[in-house]
């Protein structure tokens, strides 16, 4: 089990930047792959960025590639999402995810979410 708490969301103008943080506790953080997802009203939750437990493997969808950067500091039990050149379509609740798997299947853990609003 791992508990996740996001912070860093807020209101920003188009073209601006925000840095989200996700603080983990409970279990050994370095055992989990992590990622950021977002969900806008009326839409399904979608992947924003993913990073492997050791930080060596990173994945972004085309919608954010080149603008967002995911990183993690296992010593601090924290994962970050640096968001640059924000667009109105980035407006959503952003959720931190941690996941692992065993023979029974995949286990996903979620933070409470932090609101990001991009508007002029």
Protein backbone atom coordinates (compact mmCIF):
# COMPACT_ATOMS: atom_id res chain seq x y z
CA UNK A 1 0.00 0.00 0.00
CA UNK A 2 1.12 3.51 -0.76
CA UNK A 3 -0.56 6.84 -0.09
CA UNK A 4 -0.16 9.75 -2.51
CA UNK A 5 -0.79 13.46 -2.06
CA UNK A 6 -0.55 15.93 -4.95
CA UNK A 7 0.16 19.63 -4.71
CA UNK A 8 1.14 22.53 -6.95
CA UNK A 9 -1.97 23.05 -9.04
CA UNK A 10 -3.56 26.41 -9.65
CA UNK A 11 -4.59 29.00 -12.20
CA UNK A 12 -2.12 29.93 -14.91
CA UNK A 13 -2.29 31.83 -18.19
CA UNK A 14 -1.71 30.11 -21.52
CA UNK A 15 2.00 29.74 -22.11
CA UNK A 16 2.74 29.65 -18.41
CA UNK A 17 4.27 26.93 -16.27
CA UNK A 18 3.42 24.91 -13.19
CA UNK A 19 5.25 22.23 -11.25
CA UNK A 20 3.20 19.51 -9.60
CA UNK A 21 4.51 17.39 -6.76
CA UNK A 22 3.32 14.04 -5.46
CA UNK A 23 4.45 12.95 -2.02
CA UNK A 24 4.28 9.24 -1.27
CA UNK A 25 4.15 7.40 2.01
CA UNK A 26 3.31 3.98 3.40
CA UNK A 27 5.23 1.47 1.34
CA UNK A 28 8.62 1.44 -0.32
CA UNK A 29 8.27 4.10 -2.99
CA UNK A 30 11.13 2.84 -5.11
CA UNK A 31 9.21 -0.39 -5.77
CA UNK A 32 6.51 1.46 -7.73
CA UNK A 33 6.29 2.80 -11.21
CA UNK A 34 4.56 6.18 -11.12
CA UNK A 35 2.76 8.52 -13.42
CA UNK A 36 0.50 11.49 -13.83
CA UNK A 37 -3.02 11.33 -15.22
CA UNK A 38 -5.59 14.03 -15.79
CA UNK A 39 -9.34 14.18 -16.09
CA UNK A 40 -11.40 17.02 -17.50
CA UNK A 41 -15.18 17.29 -17.00
CA UNK A 42 -17.03 14.85 -19.22
CA UNK A 43 -13.86 13.08 -20.28
CA UNK A 44 -12.10 9.93 -19.21
CA UNK A 45 -8.93 9.98 -17.20
CA UNK A 46 -5.92 10.00 -19.51
CA UNK A 47 -2.23 9.39 -19.09
CA UNK A 48 -0.02 12.47 -19.02
CA UNK A 49 3.35 10.95 -18.17
CA UNK A 50 4.81 7.75 -16.76
CA UNK A 51 8.14 6.88 -15.23
CA UNK A 52 9.57 3.55 -14.15
CA UNK A 53 10.51 2.77 -10.58
CA UNK A 54 14.17 3.53 -11.20
CA UNK A 55 13.47 6.58 -13.32
CA UNK A 56 15.15 5.29 -16.45
CA UNK A 57 12.05 4.69 -18.58
CA UNK A 58 9.72 7.59 -19.36
CA UNK A 59 6.66 7.84 -21.56
CA UNK A 60 4.56 10.81 -22.72
CA UNK A 61 1.58 11.02 -25.04
CA UNK A 62 1.87 13.29 -28.06
CA UNK A 63 -0.41 15.89 -26.48
CA UNK A 64 2.20 16.84 -23.89
CA UNK A 65 5.46 15.63 -25.39
CA UNK A 66 8.04 18.38 -25.40
CA UNK A 67 6.10 20.47 -22.90
CA UNK A 68 5.83 18.27 -19.79
CA UNK A 69 8.62 16.55 -17.90
CA UNK A 70 8.17 13.84 -15.29
CA UNK A 71 10.85 13.06 -12.73
CA UNK A 72 11.18 11.33 -9.40
CA UNK A 73 13.37 11.50 -6.34
CA UNK A 74 13.14 8.17 -4.59
CA UNK A 75 15.18 9.42 -1.64
CA UNK A 76 12.43 11.99 -1.02
CA UNK A 77 9.56 9.68 -1.98
CA UNK A 78 8.36 12.28 -4.45
CA UNK A 79 7.42 12.42 -8.12
CA UNK A 80 7.19 15.68 -10.05
CA UNK A 81 5.54 16.96 -13.18
CA UNK A 82 6.99 20.10 -14.72
CA UNK A 83 4.46 21.62 -17.12
CA UNK A 84 5.60 24.30 -19.54
CA UNK A 85 3.83 26.17 -22.33
CA UNK A 86 0.47 25.31 -20.85
CA UNK A 87 -2.61 25.38 -23.06
CA UNK A 88 -6.30 25.76 -22.20
CA UNK A 89 -6.83 22.13 -23.17
CA UNK A 90 -4.49 21.15 -20.33
CA UNK A 91 -7.17 22.25 -17.86
CA UNK A 92 -8.08 19.24 -15.72
CA UNK A 93 -7.71 17.62 -12.36
CA UNK A 94 -4.28 16.02 -12.26
CA UNK A 95 -3.79 12.78 -10.37
CA UNK A 96 -0.65 11.06 -9.23
CA UNK A 97 -0.50 7.31 -9.79
CA UNK A 98 1.69 4.58 -8.39
CA UNK A 99 1.46 1.03 -9.57
CA UNK A 100 2.96 -2.39 -9.18
CA UNK A 101 2.10 -5.91 -10.16
CA UNK A 102 2.33 -9.48 -9.00
CA UNK A 103 0.84 -12.76 -10.14
CA UNK A 104 -2.65 -11.58 -9.16
CA UNK A 105 -2.53 -8.55 -11.40
CA UNK A 106 -1.77 -4.85 -11.40
CA UNK A 107 -2.35 -2.60 -8.40
CA UNK A 108 -3.00 1.11 -8.87
CA UNK A 109 -2.93 3.77 -6.18
CA UNK A 110 -4.15 7.32 -6.65
CA UNK A 111 -3.81 10.68 -5.02
CA UNK A 112 -6.74 13.00 -4.38
CA UNK A 113 -6.00 15.20 -7.37
CA UNK A 114 -5.00 18.82 -7.85
CA UNK A 115 -6.80 21.27 -10.13
CA UNK A 116 -4.92 22.88 -13.00
CA UNK A 117 -6.74 25.66 -14.83
CA UNK A 118 -5.20 27.33 -17.88
CA UNK A 119 -7.10 30.47 -18.82
CA UNK A 120 -6.50 34.07 -19.78
